[in-house]
Amino acid sequence: MKKLVKVVAAIIENEQGEILCALRSPEMSTPNMWELPGGKVEVNEDINTALKREIDEELDCRIETAKEVFNDSTHEYETFTVNLLSIKCKVVEGSPAPREHSKLIWLKRENLDSLKWAPADIPAVQQLIDEK
């Protein structure tokens, strides 16, 4: 059986209604694909704490998370399975800056499908597009 990895992703929206999209660097798994930023949930860590820690590490900013999960989906990659929990967030301190990603961009919902998304992120992105 493949290893199941629990991952959290931040749906960060700005005042203009744009969503923060992060381009995975060539060194990351699923390189050069877009994702909602976030990362693995550590043992004994709740999802909101994990997401705040990951965004602090990856984007050097502080976020506030919604209480509920926006999208919960599971994707099977070749060597492991990802359970991706996407949560709506807002930046409360600092400004997102790419520490691990190649690039960050803000996109309106209707333009999200113009990017090549990592497979695990597609259900959450599709839900965002369909939301408005």
Protein backbone atom coordinates (compact mmCIF):
# COMPACT_ATOMS: atom_id res chain seq x y z
CA MET A 1 0.00 0.00 0.00
CA LYS A 2 1.21 3.49 -0.87
CA LYS A 3 2.10 5.90 1.88
CA LEU A 4 -0.73 8.37 2.66
CA VAL A 5 0.49 11.93 3.19
CA LYS A 6 -1.81 14.47 4.84
CA VAL A 7 -1.25 17.91 3.31
CA VAL A 8 -2.84 21.31 3.93
CA ALA A 9 -3.16 24.06 1.32
CA ALA A 10 -3.95 27.74 1.79
CA ILE A 11 -6.51 29.45 -0.40
CA ILE A 12 -5.27 33.00 0.15
CA GLU A 13 -7.50 35.68 -1.33
CA ASN A 14 -6.61 39.38 -1.53
CA GLU A 15 -8.94 42.42 -1.40
CA GLN A 16 -9.33 42.30 -5.20
CA GLY A 17 -10.71 38.77 -5.00
CA GLU A 18 -7.57 37.22 -6.48
CA ILE A 19 -6.17 33.86 -5.32
CA LEU A 20 -2.46 33.34 -4.54
CA CYS A 21 -0.92 30.72 -6.85
CA ALA A 22 2.56 29.27 -6.26
CA LEU A 23 4.80 27.73 -8.93
CA ARG A 24 6.67 24.66 -7.66
CA SER A 25 10.41 24.95 -8.17
CA PRO A 26 12.33 22.49 -10.41
CA GLU A 27 13.74 20.83 -7.24
CA MET A 28 10.31 20.00 -5.77
CA SER A 29 8.24 16.91 -6.53
CA THR A 30 5.76 17.64 -9.36
CA PRO A 31 8.18 20.37 -10.54
CA ASN A 32 7.11 23.45 -12.49
CA MET A 33 3.43 22.97 -11.71
CA TRP A 34 1.19 25.41 -9.87
CA GLU A 35 -0.24 24.75 -6.44
CA LEU A 36 -2.03 26.36 -3.56
CA PRO A 37 0.81 26.89 -1.05
CA GLY A 38 1.04 24.70 2.05
CA GLY A 39 2.63 21.46 3.11
CA LYS A 40 2.62 18.30 5.19
CA VAL A 41 0.83 18.03 8.51
CA GLU A 42 3.27 16.83 11.18
CA VAL A 43 2.43 14.11 13.72
CA ASN A 44 0.19 15.45 16.53
CA GLU A 45 -0.34 18.75 14.67
CA ASP A 46 -3.82 20.07 13.86
CA ILE A 47 -4.46 21.23 10.31
CA ASN A 48 -4.77 24.96 11.08
CA THR A 49 -1.51 24.99 13.07
CA ALA A 50 0.21 23.07 10.25
CA LEU A 51 -1.05 25.51 7.62
CA LYS A 52 0.05 28.58 9.60
CA ARG A 53 3.51 27.02 10.12
CA GLU A 54 3.90 26.04 6.47
CA ILE A 55 2.87 29.48 5.16
CA ASP A 56 5.24 31.15 7.62
CA GLU A 57 8.08 28.88 6.37
CA GLU A 58 7.26 29.04 2.64
CA LEU A 59 5.93 32.57 2.19
CA ASP A 60 7.27 34.51 5.20
CA CYS A 61 3.87 35.88 6.24
CA ARG A 62 1.24 35.19 8.88
CA ILE A 63 -2.27 33.99 8.03
CA GLU A 64 -5.62 33.55 9.70
CA THR A 65 -7.47 30.37 8.68
CA ALA A 66 -11.18 29.68 8.26
CA LYS A 67 -12.66 27.21 10.74
CA GLU A 68 -13.88 24.78 8.09
CA VAL A 69 -12.13 22.89 5.30
CA PHE A 70 -13.06 24.25 1.85
CA ASN A 71 -12.06 21.14 -0.10
CA ASP A 72 -10.99 17.66 1.02
CA SER A 73 -9.68 15.47 -1.78
CA THR A 74 -7.35 12.53 -2.21
CA HIS A 75 -5.02 12.03 -5.17
CA GLU A 76 -2.94 8.97 -5.90
CA TYR A 77 0.48 9.72 -7.36
CA GLU A 78 2.83 7.02 -8.65
CA THR A 79 4.65 6.46 -5.34
CA PHE A 80 2.33 7.93 -2.67
CA THR A 81 -1.20 9.19 -2.01
CA VAL A 82 -2.01 12.75 -0.93
CA ASN A 83 -5.01 13.73 1.19
CA LEU A 84 -5.17 17.47 0.46
CA LEU A 85 -7.20 19.69 2.78
CA SER A 86 -7.65 23.19 1.31
CA ILE A 87 -8.61 25.98 3.71
CA LYS A 88 -9.51 29.59 2.98
CA CYS A 89 -7.14 32.07 4.60
CA LYS A 90 -6.23 35.71 4.71
CA VAL A 91 -2.88 37.35 5.29
CA VAL A 92 -2.82 39.16 8.63
CA GLU A 93 0.86 40.10 8.77
CA GLY A 94 3.56 40.53 6.13
CA SER A 95 3.29 39.97 2.42
CA PRO A 96 3.73 36.59 0.67
CA ALA A 97 7.24 36.14 -0.74
CA PRO A 98 8.51 32.96 -2.45
CA ARG A 99 11.09 31.16 -0.29
CA GLU A 100 10.73 27.70 -1.85
CA HIS A 101 8.63 28.36 -4.95
CA SER A 102 9.89 29.69 -8.29
CA LYS A 103 7.15 32.31 -8.50
CA LEU A 104 3.96 33.62 -6.88
CA ILE A 105 1.10 35.26 -8.77
CA TRP A 106 -2.39 36.52 -7.90
CA LEU A 107 -5.14 35.39 -10.27
CA LYS A 108 -8.88 35.97 -10.49
CA ARG A 109 -10.97 32.79 -10.08
CA GLU A 110 -12.05 32.76 -13.72
CA ASN A 111 -8.39 32.66 -14.83
CA LEU A 112 -7.22 29.86 -12.51
CA ASP A 113 -7.71 27.21 -15.20
CA SER A 114 -5.09 28.94 -17.37
CA LEU A 115 -2.33 27.39 -15.20
CA LYS A 116 -0.95 23.84 -15.21
CA TRP A 117 -1.91 22.71 -11.69
CA ALA A 118 -0.41 19.85 -9.69
CA PRO A 119 -2.96 17.00 -9.92
CA ALA A 120 -3.80 17.01 -6.19
CA ASP A 121 -4.76 20.72 -6.33
CA ILE A 122 -7.19 20.42 -9.25
CA PRO A 123 -10.36 19.56 -7.22
CA ALA A 124 -9.93 22.61 -4.94
CA VAL A 125 -9.11 24.89 -7.88
CA GLN A 126 -12.18 23.63 -9.77
CA GLN A 127 -14.35 24.25 -6.69
CA LEU A 128 -12.98 27.83 -6.49
CA ILE A 129 -13.76 28.44 -10.16
CA ASP A 130 -17.29 27.07 -9.75
CA GLU A 131 -17.93 29.04 -6.54
CA LYS A 132 -18.68 32.41 -8.18
